[in-house]
C-alpha cells in the first residue's frame, strides 16, 4: 500500500542527506497530516485576517460555510499543507473585492456577504459578492454579483 509507516521518513532522510549533514540536525520531528477540522480552522484564521482588514475600511463582512468549505478543499495540498490557501484567497476573494473597495459600492463602507457558486464559470466556480453599501442605505438586498476569479 501507499500508506507510510512510522520510520519511513528516517529512510528518506538517510537516502537524501549525507551523514555529515544529518549529524548537524538536532532533532527530526514528524507531523501527522492535517485533518479537515484543522484545515477549516486555518481557513477561519485567514478569513479573520481579511475581516479585520475590511473592518478598517468600514466594511462588515460575512463568509458563508460553502465558501469556507471550498477554500478548505482547494486551498490545502497534502504535500504543501495550507500554504496555498493565502494565494487562493488572494486570487478569489481579494481580487473580486478590489474594484468594489476602490471604485465601487464599498468605497464608503457597507455590509458584504461573500459566497461561493460552484456552478458558475462552466463548473469552475465563482465568488459571489452580496453588497449593501453605506451610500445606498435604503437599497437593501441588492442582487449578488458574480466576481472575477483567478481564471480570468
N, C-alpha and C. Protein backbone atom coordinates (compact mmCIF):
# COMPACT_ATOMS: atom_id res chain seq x y z
N UNK A 1 0.83 -1.19 0.00
CA UNK A 1 0.00 0.00 0.00
C UNK A 1 0.87 1.25 0.00
N UNK A 2 0.27 2.36 -0.38
CA UNK A 2 0.99 3.63 -0.45
C UNK A 2 1.03 4.34 0.90
N UNK A 3 0.42 3.76 1.92
CA UNK A 3 0.39 4.40 3.23
C UNK A 3 1.76 4.31 3.88
N UNK A 4 2.19 5.43 4.44
CA UNK A 4 3.52 5.49 5.05
C UNK A 4 3.46 4.96 6.48
N UNK A 5 4.52 4.31 6.86
CA UNK A 5 4.63 3.74 8.20
C UNK A 5 5.59 4.60 9.04
N UNK A 6 5.47 4.53 10.37
CA UNK A 6 6.42 5.25 11.21
C UNK A 6 7.85 4.78 10.90
N UNK A 7 8.76 5.70 10.78
CA UNK A 7 10.14 5.35 10.47
C UNK A 7 10.48 5.50 9.00
N UNK A 8 9.46 5.60 8.13
CA UNK A 8 9.73 5.77 6.70
C UNK A 8 10.51 7.05 6.42
N UNK A 9 10.22 8.09 7.21
CA UNK A 9 10.91 9.36 6.96
C UNK A 9 12.41 9.26 7.26
N UNK A 10 12.80 8.42 8.22
CA UNK A 10 14.23 8.25 8.50
C UNK A 10 14.94 7.62 7.32
N UNK A 11 14.29 6.66 6.68
CA UNK A 11 14.89 6.05 5.49
C UNK A 11 15.06 7.09 4.39
N UNK A 12 14.07 7.95 4.23
CA UNK A 12 14.15 9.02 3.23
C UNK A 12 15.27 10.00 3.56
N UNK A 13 15.38 10.36 4.83
CA UNK A 13 16.42 11.30 5.25
C UNK A 13 17.80 10.69 5.01
N UNK A 14 17.97 9.42 5.34
CA UNK A 14 19.27 8.75 5.11
C UNK A 14 19.59 8.67 3.64
N UNK A 15 18.57 8.49 2.82
CA UNK A 15 18.79 8.38 1.38
C UNK A 15 19.13 9.74 0.76
N UNK A 16 18.50 10.82 1.24
CA UNK A 16 18.66 12.13 0.63
C UNK A 16 19.85 12.93 1.15
N UNK A 17 20.21 12.78 2.40
CA UNK A 17 21.23 13.64 3.01
C UNK A 17 22.46 12.85 3.41
N UNK A 18 23.60 13.50 3.30
CA UNK A 18 24.87 12.86 3.68
C UNK A 18 24.94 12.72 5.20
N UNK A 19 25.76 11.79 5.69
CA UNK A 19 25.91 11.64 7.14
C UNK A 19 26.41 12.93 7.81
N UNK A 20 27.24 13.69 7.11
CA UNK A 20 27.75 14.94 7.68
C UNK A 20 26.61 15.93 7.92
N UNK A 21 25.69 16.02 6.98
CA UNK A 21 24.55 16.93 7.15
C UNK A 21 23.61 16.41 8.24
N UNK A 22 23.31 15.13 8.20
CA UNK A 22 22.40 14.54 9.20
C UNK A 22 22.94 14.74 10.61
N UNK A 23 24.27 14.72 10.76
CA UNK A 23 24.89 14.89 12.07
C UNK A 23 24.65 16.30 12.62
N UNK A 24 24.39 17.26 11.75
CA UNK A 24 24.16 18.65 12.18
C UNK A 24 22.71 18.88 12.64
N UNK A 25 21.84 17.94 12.36
CA UNK A 25 20.44 18.09 12.77
C UNK A 25 20.30 17.81 14.26
N UNK A 26 19.59 18.69 14.96
CA UNK A 26 19.36 18.49 16.39
C UNK A 26 18.20 17.54 16.66
N UNK A 27 17.19 17.61 15.81
CA UNK A 27 16.01 16.77 16.00
C UNK A 27 15.29 16.61 14.68
N UNK A 28 14.58 15.52 14.57
CA UNK A 28 13.73 15.27 13.41
C UNK A 28 12.33 15.07 13.95
N UNK A 29 11.43 15.91 13.50
CA UNK A 29 10.06 15.89 14.01
C UNK A 29 9.12 15.48 12.88
N UNK A 30 8.33 14.45 13.13
CA UNK A 30 7.34 14.00 12.15
C UNK A 30 5.99 14.61 12.50
N UNK A 31 5.28 15.07 11.48
CA UNK A 31 3.97 15.65 11.68
C UNK A 31 2.92 14.78 11.03
N UNK A 32 1.77 14.68 11.70
CA UNK A 32 0.63 13.98 11.11
C UNK A 32 -0.01 14.90 10.08
N UNK A 33 -0.66 14.33 9.07
CA UNK A 33 -1.39 15.18 8.11
C UNK A 33 -2.51 15.94 8.83
N UNK A 34 -2.81 17.12 8.32
CA UNK A 34 -3.88 17.92 8.90
C UNK A 34 -5.24 17.30 8.57
N UNK A 35 -6.12 17.24 9.57
CA UNK A 35 -7.46 16.73 9.29
C UNK A 35 -8.37 17.89 8.86
N UNK A 36 -9.56 17.55 8.44
CA UNK A 36 -10.49 18.54 7.88
C UNK A 36 -10.83 19.65 8.88
N UNK A 37 -11.00 19.29 10.13
CA UNK A 37 -11.34 20.29 11.15
C UNK A 37 -10.22 21.32 11.31
N UNK A 38 -8.99 20.86 11.31
CA UNK A 38 -7.84 21.78 11.44
C UNK A 38 -7.74 22.66 10.20
N UNK A 39 -7.98 22.09 9.03
CA UNK A 39 -7.92 22.87 7.79
C UNK A 39 -8.97 23.98 7.82
N UNK A 40 -10.17 23.67 8.31
CA UNK A 40 -11.22 24.70 8.42
C UNK A 40 -10.82 25.79 9.42
N UNK A 41 -10.08 25.42 10.46
CA UNK A 41 -9.60 26.43 11.41
C UNK A 41 -8.56 27.33 10.76
N UNK A 42 -7.74 26.77 9.87
CA UNK A 42 -6.77 27.58 9.13
C UNK A 42 -7.50 28.55 8.20
N UNK A 43 -8.54 28.05 7.53
CA UNK A 43 -9.37 28.91 6.67
C UNK A 43 -9.94 30.06 7.50
N UNK A 44 -10.47 29.74 8.67
CA UNK A 44 -11.05 30.77 9.54
C UNK A 44 -10.01 31.81 9.94
N UNK A 45 -8.78 31.37 10.17
CA UNK A 45 -7.70 32.30 10.53
C UNK A 45 -7.46 33.30 9.40
N UNK A 46 -7.34 32.80 8.17
CA UNK A 46 -7.11 33.68 7.03
C UNK A 46 -8.30 34.61 6.79
N UNK A 47 -9.51 34.08 6.95
CA UNK A 47 -10.70 34.91 6.74
C UNK A 47 -10.84 35.96 7.85
N UNK A 48 -10.41 35.62 9.07
CA UNK A 48 -10.43 36.60 10.16
C UNK A 48 -9.47 37.75 9.86
N UNK A 49 -8.31 37.44 9.31
CA UNK A 49 -7.37 38.49 8.93
C UNK A 49 -8.00 39.42 7.89
N UNK A 50 -8.65 38.83 6.90
CA UNK A 50 -9.31 39.63 5.87
C UNK A 50 -10.44 40.45 6.47
N UNK A 51 -11.20 39.85 7.37
CA UNK A 51 -12.30 40.56 8.03
C UNK A 51 -11.79 41.78 8.80
N UNK A 52 -10.66 41.63 9.48
CA UNK A 52 -10.08 42.75 10.23
C UNK A 52 -9.61 43.86 9.29
N UNK A 53 -9.03 43.48 8.16
CA UNK A 53 -8.59 44.49 7.19
C UNK A 53 -9.79 45.23 6.60
N UNK A 54 -10.86 44.51 6.33
CA UNK A 54 -12.06 45.14 5.79
C UNK A 54 -12.73 46.04 6.83
N UNK A 55 -12.66 45.65 8.10
CA UNK A 55 -13.25 46.47 9.17
C UNK A 55 -12.58 47.84 9.23
N UNK A 56 -11.29 47.90 8.92
CA UNK A 56 -10.58 49.18 8.88
C UNK A 56 -11.15 50.09 7.79
N UNK A 57 -11.74 49.49 6.77
CA UNK A 57 -12.35 50.26 5.67
C UNK A 57 -13.86 50.39 5.86
N UNK A 58 -14.32 50.11 7.08
CA UNK A 58 -15.74 50.22 7.45
C UNK A 58 -16.62 49.25 6.67
N UNK A 59 -16.08 48.08 6.38
CA UNK A 59 -16.85 47.04 5.69
C UNK A 59 -17.04 45.88 6.66
N UNK A 60 -18.31 45.55 6.90
CA UNK A 60 -18.67 44.41 7.74
C UNK A 60 -18.89 43.22 6.81
N UNK A 61 -18.14 42.14 7.02
CA UNK A 61 -18.18 41.02 6.08
C UNK A 61 -18.64 39.74 6.77
N UNK A 62 -19.35 38.92 6.01
CA UNK A 62 -19.76 37.59 6.44
C UNK A 62 -19.35 36.61 5.35
N UNK A 63 -18.75 35.50 5.75
CA UNK A 63 -18.34 34.46 4.81
C UNK A 63 -19.24 33.24 5.02
N UNK A 64 -19.76 32.68 3.93
CA UNK A 64 -20.66 31.54 4.04
C UNK A 64 -19.88 30.25 4.30
N UNK A 65 -20.58 29.25 4.82
CA UNK A 65 -19.96 27.94 5.05
C UNK A 65 -19.56 27.29 3.74
N UNK A 66 -20.32 27.53 2.69
CA UNK A 66 -19.99 26.96 1.37
C UNK A 66 -18.64 27.50 0.92
N UNK A 67 -18.41 28.79 1.10
CA UNK A 67 -17.12 29.39 0.75
C UNK A 67 -16.00 28.80 1.60
N UNK A 68 -16.22 28.68 2.90
CA UNK A 68 -15.21 28.12 3.80
C UNK A 68 -14.83 26.70 3.38
N UNK A 69 -15.83 25.89 3.05
CA UNK A 69 -15.54 24.51 2.64
C UNK A 69 -14.81 24.47 1.31
N UNK A 70 -15.15 25.38 0.39
CA UNK A 70 -14.45 25.45 -0.89
C UNK A 70 -12.98 25.81 -0.65
N UNK A 71 -12.73 26.82 0.17
CA UNK A 71 -11.35 27.22 0.46
C UNK A 71 -10.57 26.10 1.13
N UNK A 72 -11.23 25.36 2.02
CA UNK A 72 -10.56 24.24 2.69
C UNK A 72 -10.19 23.14 1.69
N UNK A 73 -11.08 22.88 0.73
CA UNK A 73 -10.83 21.82 -0.25
C UNK A 73 -9.78 22.23 -1.27
N UNK A 74 -9.87 23.46 -1.76
CA UNK A 74 -8.97 23.90 -2.83
C UNK A 74 -7.68 24.55 -2.33
N UNK A 75 -7.67 25.03 -1.10
CA UNK A 75 -6.51 25.75 -0.59
C UNK A 75 -5.55 24.90 0.20
N UNK A 76 -5.82 23.61 0.26
CA UNK A 76 -4.96 22.70 1.01
C UNK A 76 -4.36 21.68 0.06
N UNK A 77 -3.07 21.45 0.21
CA UNK A 77 -2.35 20.47 -0.59
C UNK A 77 -1.68 19.49 0.38
N UNK A 78 -1.85 18.18 0.19
CA UNK A 78 -1.25 17.23 1.13
C UNK A 78 0.28 17.39 1.26
N UNK A 79 0.95 17.80 0.19
CA UNK A 79 2.40 17.98 0.26
C UNK A 79 2.78 19.35 0.81
N UNK A 80 2.05 20.38 0.44
CA UNK A 80 2.39 21.74 0.85
C UNK A 80 1.63 22.20 2.09
N UNK A 81 0.65 21.44 2.53
CA UNK A 81 -0.15 21.85 3.68
C UNK A 81 -1.10 22.96 3.30
N UNK A 82 -1.21 23.95 4.18
CA UNK A 82 -2.15 25.06 3.97
C UNK A 82 -1.47 26.27 3.31
N UNK A 83 -0.24 26.13 2.88
CA UNK A 83 0.48 27.26 2.28
C UNK A 83 -0.23 27.85 1.06
N UNK A 84 -0.83 27.05 0.18
CA UNK A 84 -1.51 27.64 -0.99
C UNK A 84 -2.79 28.42 -0.66
N UNK A 85 -3.26 28.33 0.57
CA UNK A 85 -4.53 28.96 0.92
C UNK A 85 -4.49 30.48 0.77
N UNK A 86 -3.40 31.11 1.20
CA UNK A 86 -3.30 32.57 1.10
C UNK A 86 -3.40 33.01 -0.36
N UNK A 87 -2.75 32.28 -1.26
CA UNK A 87 -2.81 32.63 -2.68
C UNK A 87 -4.22 32.45 -3.22
N UNK A 88 -4.89 31.38 -2.81
CA UNK A 88 -6.26 31.15 -3.26
C UNK A 88 -7.18 32.28 -2.80
N UNK A 89 -7.04 32.71 -1.55
CA UNK A 89 -7.86 33.81 -1.05
C UNK A 89 -7.54 35.09 -1.81
N UNK A 90 -6.27 35.31 -2.10
CA UNK A 90 -5.85 36.48 -2.87
C UNK A 90 -6.47 36.45 -4.27
N UNK A 91 -6.39 35.30 -4.92
CA UNK A 91 -6.84 35.19 -6.30
C UNK A 91 -8.36 35.16 -6.44
N UNK A 92 -9.06 34.81 -5.39
CA UNK A 92 -10.52 34.75 -5.49
C UNK A 92 -11.17 35.94 -4.79
N UNK A 93 -11.12 35.95 -3.48
CA UNK A 93 -11.87 36.96 -2.72
C UNK A 93 -11.27 38.35 -2.84
N UNK A 94 -9.98 38.48 -2.56
CA UNK A 94 -9.36 39.82 -2.56
C UNK A 94 -9.42 40.46 -3.95
N UNK A 95 -9.19 39.66 -4.96
CA UNK A 95 -9.23 40.18 -6.33
C UNK A 95 -10.65 40.67 -6.67
N UNK A 96 -11.65 39.91 -6.23
CA UNK A 96 -13.04 40.28 -6.50
C UNK A 96 -13.43 41.55 -5.74
N UNK A 97 -12.85 41.75 -4.57
CA UNK A 97 -13.21 42.90 -3.74
C UNK A 97 -12.48 44.19 -4.14
N UNK A 98 -11.37 44.08 -4.82
CA UNK A 98 -10.51 45.24 -5.07
C UNK A 98 -11.26 46.40 -5.73
N UNK A 99 -11.94 46.15 -6.83
CA UNK A 99 -12.65 47.23 -7.54
C UNK A 99 -13.78 47.81 -6.69
N UNK A 100 -14.48 46.96 -5.97
CA UNK A 100 -15.59 47.44 -5.14
C UNK A 100 -15.07 48.35 -4.02
N UNK A 101 -13.92 48.00 -3.45
CA UNK A 101 -13.35 48.80 -2.37
C UNK A 101 -12.78 50.13 -2.88
N UNK A 102 -12.20 50.11 -4.07
CA UNK A 102 -11.55 51.31 -4.60
C UNK A 102 -12.51 52.23 -5.35
N UNK A 103 -13.41 51.64 -6.14
CA UNK A 103 -14.22 52.46 -7.04
C UNK A 103 -15.72 52.16 -6.97
N UNK A 104 -16.10 51.11 -6.27
CA UNK A 104 -17.48 50.65 -6.34
C UNK A 104 -18.30 50.94 -5.10
N UNK A 105 -19.18 50.02 -4.80
CA UNK A 105 -20.19 50.21 -3.77
C UNK A 105 -19.63 50.22 -2.35
N UNK A 106 -18.38 49.78 -2.16
CA UNK A 106 -17.83 49.70 -0.81
C UNK A 106 -16.83 50.81 -0.49
N UNK A 107 -16.77 51.83 -1.32
CA UNK A 107 -15.81 52.93 -1.10
C UNK A 107 -16.02 53.56 0.27
N UNK A 108 -17.27 53.76 0.66
CA UNK A 108 -17.57 54.39 1.95
C UNK A 108 -17.99 53.36 3.00
N UNK A 109 -17.69 52.11 2.76
CA UNK A 109 -18.03 51.05 3.70
C UNK A 109 -19.34 50.38 3.33
N UNK A 110 -19.78 49.49 4.20
CA UNK A 110 -21.03 48.78 3.96
C UNK A 110 -20.99 47.38 4.53
N UNK A 111 -21.97 46.59 4.15
CA UNK A 111 -22.05 45.20 4.57
C UNK A 111 -21.86 44.32 3.35
N UNK A 112 -21.23 43.19 3.58
CA UNK A 112 -20.85 42.32 2.47
C UNK A 112 -20.99 40.87 2.90
N UNK A 113 -21.58 40.06 2.04
CA UNK A 113 -21.60 38.61 2.23
C UNK A 113 -20.84 38.01 1.06
N UNK A 114 -19.86 37.16 1.39
CA UNK A 114 -19.06 36.51 0.35
C UNK A 114 -19.46 35.04 0.32
N UNK A 115 -19.87 34.58 -0.87
CA UNK A 115 -20.35 33.21 -1.04
C UNK A 115 -19.61 32.57 -2.20
N UNK A 116 -19.80 31.27 -2.39
CA UNK A 116 -19.19 30.53 -3.48
C UNK A 116 -20.29 29.88 -4.31
N UNK A 117 -20.27 30.12 -5.62
CA UNK A 117 -21.21 29.50 -6.55
C UNK A 117 -20.45 28.46 -7.34
N UNK A 118 -20.59 27.19 -6.98
CA UNK A 118 -19.83 26.12 -7.62
C UNK A 118 -20.23 25.90 -9.07
N UNK A 119 -21.44 26.30 -9.45
CA UNK A 119 -21.92 26.05 -10.81
C UNK A 119 -21.48 27.12 -11.81
N UNK A 120 -20.97 28.24 -11.33
CA UNK A 120 -20.61 29.34 -12.23
C UNK A 120 -19.35 29.03 -13.02
N UNK A 121 -19.13 29.79 -14.08
CA UNK A 121 -17.94 29.69 -14.94
C UNK A 121 -17.69 28.26 -15.43
N UNK A 122 -18.66 27.69 -16.08
CA UNK A 122 -18.54 26.35 -16.67
C UNK A 122 -18.12 25.30 -15.64
N UNK A 123 -18.67 25.39 -14.44
CA UNK A 123 -18.38 24.41 -13.41
C UNK A 123 -17.13 24.69 -12.60
N UNK A 124 -16.35 25.72 -12.97
CA UNK A 124 -15.13 26.03 -12.23
C UNK A 124 -15.43 26.78 -10.93
N UNK A 125 -16.60 27.38 -10.84
CA UNK A 125 -16.99 28.12 -9.64
C UNK A 125 -16.62 29.58 -9.71
N UNK A 126 -17.25 30.36 -8.84
CA UNK A 126 -17.03 31.80 -8.84
C UNK A 126 -17.43 32.37 -7.48
N UNK A 127 -16.77 33.44 -7.10
CA UNK A 127 -17.11 34.15 -5.87
C UNK A 127 -18.33 35.02 -6.13
N UNK A 128 -19.27 35.01 -5.18
CA UNK A 128 -20.44 35.88 -5.25
C UNK A 128 -20.35 36.91 -4.13
N UNK A 129 -20.51 38.17 -4.49
CA UNK A 129 -20.49 39.25 -3.51
C UNK A 129 -21.90 39.82 -3.39
N UNK A 130 -22.47 39.77 -2.20
CA UNK A 130 -23.76 40.41 -1.93
C UNK A 130 -23.44 41.66 -1.12
N UNK A 131 -23.55 42.82 -1.77
CA UNK A 131 -23.10 44.08 -1.19
C UNK A 131 -24.28 44.97 -0.82
N UNK A 132 -24.26 45.48 0.40
CA UNK A 132 -25.18 46.54 0.82
C UNK A 132 -24.28 47.71 1.23
N UNK A 133 -24.14 48.67 0.34
CA UNK A 133 -23.23 49.79 0.60
C UNK A 133 -23.84 50.78 1.57
N UNK A 134 -22.99 51.49 2.28
CA UNK A 134 -23.43 52.53 3.20
C UNK A 134 -24.07 53.68 2.45
N UNK A 135 -23.56 53.97 1.26
CA UNK A 135 -24.08 55.08 0.45
C UNK A 135 -25.51 54.84 -0.01
N UNK A 136 -25.90 53.57 -0.15
CA UNK A 136 -27.25 53.24 -0.64
C UNK A 136 -28.02 52.52 0.46
N UNK A 137 -28.11 53.13 1.65
CA UNK A 137 -28.73 52.51 2.81
C UNK A 137 -30.15 52.03 2.56
N UNK A 138 -30.91 52.69 1.73
CA UNK A 138 -32.29 52.31 1.50
C UNK A 138 -32.46 51.18 0.51
N UNK A 139 -31.38 50.68 -0.07
CA UNK A 139 -31.46 49.67 -1.12
C UNK A 139 -31.00 48.31 -0.60
N UNK A 140 -31.65 47.82 0.42
CA UNK A 140 -31.30 46.51 0.98
C UNK A 140 -31.55 45.41 -0.04
N UNK A 141 -30.74 44.35 0.06
CA UNK A 141 -30.97 43.17 -0.76
C UNK A 141 -30.60 43.32 -2.21
N UNK A 142 -29.48 43.97 -2.50
CA UNK A 142 -29.02 44.03 -3.89
C UNK A 142 -28.78 42.62 -4.40
N UNK A 143 -28.88 42.45 -5.69
CA UNK A 143 -28.66 41.15 -6.29
C UNK A 143 -27.19 40.78 -6.19
N UNK A 144 -26.87 39.55 -5.74
CA UNK A 144 -25.47 39.15 -5.68
C UNK A 144 -24.86 39.18 -7.07
N UNK A 145 -23.66 39.69 -7.15
CA UNK A 145 -22.99 39.77 -8.44
C UNK A 145 -21.81 38.83 -8.48
N UNK A 146 -21.68 38.04 -9.56
CA UNK A 146 -20.51 37.18 -9.67
C UNK A 146 -19.28 38.06 -9.81
N UNK A 147 -18.21 37.65 -9.17
CA UNK A 147 -16.99 38.44 -9.20
C UNK A 147 -15.90 37.69 -9.95
N UNK A 148 -14.89 38.41 -10.36
CA UNK A 148 -13.78 37.81 -11.11
C UNK A 148 -13.00 36.87 -10.21
N UNK A 149 -12.50 35.80 -10.79
CA UNK A 149 -11.63 34.88 -10.06
C UNK A 149 -10.31 34.79 -10.78
N UNK A 150 -9.45 33.92 -10.29
CA UNK A 150 -8.10 33.80 -10.85
C UNK A 150 -8.11 33.23 -12.26
N UNK A 151 -9.23 32.71 -12.72
CA UNK A 151 -9.28 32.10 -14.05
C UNK A 151 -9.48 33.11 -15.15
N UNK A 152 -9.51 34.41 -14.81
CA UNK A 152 -9.69 35.45 -15.83
C UNK A 152 -8.53 35.50 -16.79
